[in-house]
Amino acid sequence: MPRRGPDDPEDEDETGEEGRDGRRGALLRLVLVLVLVLGGLLLVHELRDMSRLQDCVMSGRTNCAPISVAPAH
């Protein structure tokens, strides 16, 4: 039985399948990291807005969160 080398064409199917699975897993991990980063940015933005509102209220102002009212007809 001949020994197969790393460049043997018979091994390409196995390597190709493993390569696709590896790429798919890496892509899923990349998507997960992007979702976590975007969620973190959204959280930071919301916390910053809440902090500004709290700072305004703590300073004694009463017009910190303007209320939009629809015009009367």
Protein backbone atom coordinates (compact mmCIF):
# COMPACT_ATOMS: atom_id res chain seq x y z
CA MET A 1 0.00 0.00 0.00
CA PRO A 2 1.59 3.30 -1.04
CA ARG A 3 1.96 6.04 1.51
CA ARG A 4 0.10 9.23 0.78
CA GLY A 5 1.78 12.60 0.95
CA PRO A 6 0.27 15.92 2.02
CA ASP A 7 -0.37 16.86 -1.64
CA ASP A 8 -2.22 13.66 -2.51
CA PRO A 9 -5.44 14.48 -4.47
CA GLU A 10 -7.40 11.81 -2.56
CA ASP A 11 -7.03 13.86 0.64
CA GLU A 12 -8.49 17.02 -0.93
CA ASP A 13 -12.09 16.03 -0.25
CA GLU A 14 -11.44 15.55 3.45
CA THR A 15 -9.32 18.69 3.71
CA GLY A 16 -11.82 20.72 1.67
CA GLU A 17 -14.70 19.65 3.91
CA GLU A 18 -12.71 20.44 7.05
CA GLY A 19 -11.67 23.77 5.56
CA ARG A 20 -15.29 24.69 4.86
CA ASP A 21 -16.35 23.72 8.38
CA GLY A 22 -13.46 25.72 9.81
CA ARG A 23 -14.37 28.76 7.74
CA ARG A 24 -18.03 28.43 8.69
CA GLY A 25 -17.11 28.27 12.38
CA ALA A 26 -14.80 31.27 12.04
CA LEU A 27 -17.54 33.21 10.24
CA LEU A 28 -20.04 32.40 12.97
CA ARG A 29 -17.57 33.53 15.62
CA LEU A 30 -16.96 36.75 13.69
CA VAL A 31 -20.71 37.42 13.50
CA LEU A 32 -21.04 36.73 17.22
CA VAL A 33 -18.22 39.15 18.03
CA LEU A 34 -19.78 41.83 15.80
CA VAL A 35 -23.17 41.39 17.50
CA LEU A 36 -21.53 41.68 20.92
CA VAL A 37 -19.59 44.80 19.88
CA LEU A 38 -22.72 46.45 18.46
CA GLY A 39 -24.68 45.53 21.60
CA GLY A 40 -21.93 47.01 23.74
CA LEU A 41 -21.92 50.24 21.73
CA LEU A 42 -25.70 50.51 22.04
CA LEU A 43 -25.45 49.93 25.79
CA VAL A 44 -22.73 52.58 26.17
CA HIS A 45 -24.82 55.07 24.19
CA GLU A 46 -27.91 54.45 26.34
CA LEU A 47 -25.92 54.67 29.58
CA ARG A 48 -24.34 57.94 28.45
CA ASP A 49 -27.78 59.43 27.70
CA MET A 50 -29.11 58.28 31.08
CA SER A 51 -26.06 59.79 32.81
CA ARG A 52 -26.62 63.14 31.12
CA LEU A 53 -30.28 63.12 32.18
CA GLN A 54 -29.37 62.23 35.77
CA ASP A 55 -26.71 64.97 35.87
CA CYS A 56 -29.28 67.47 34.65
CA VAL A 57 -31.86 66.43 37.26
CA MET A 58 -29.28 66.38 40.06
CA SER A 59 -28.31 69.96 39.23
CA GLY A 60 -31.88 71.05 39.95
CA ARG A 61 -33.08 71.83 36.45
CA THR A 62 -36.65 71.00 35.48
CA ASN A 63 -36.42 70.98 31.67
CA CYS A 64 -34.03 68.03 31.34
CA ALA A 65 -36.23 65.82 29.19
CA PRO A 66 -38.31 67.96 26.86
CA ILE A 67 -41.75 66.55 26.08
CA SER A 68 -42.85 66.81 22.48
CA VAL A 69 -46.52 67.69 22.18
CA ALA A 70 -48.46 67.38 18.95
CA PRO A 71 -50.00 70.68 17.83
CA ALA A 72 -53.73 71.05 18.57
CA HIS A 73 -56.02 71.37 15.57
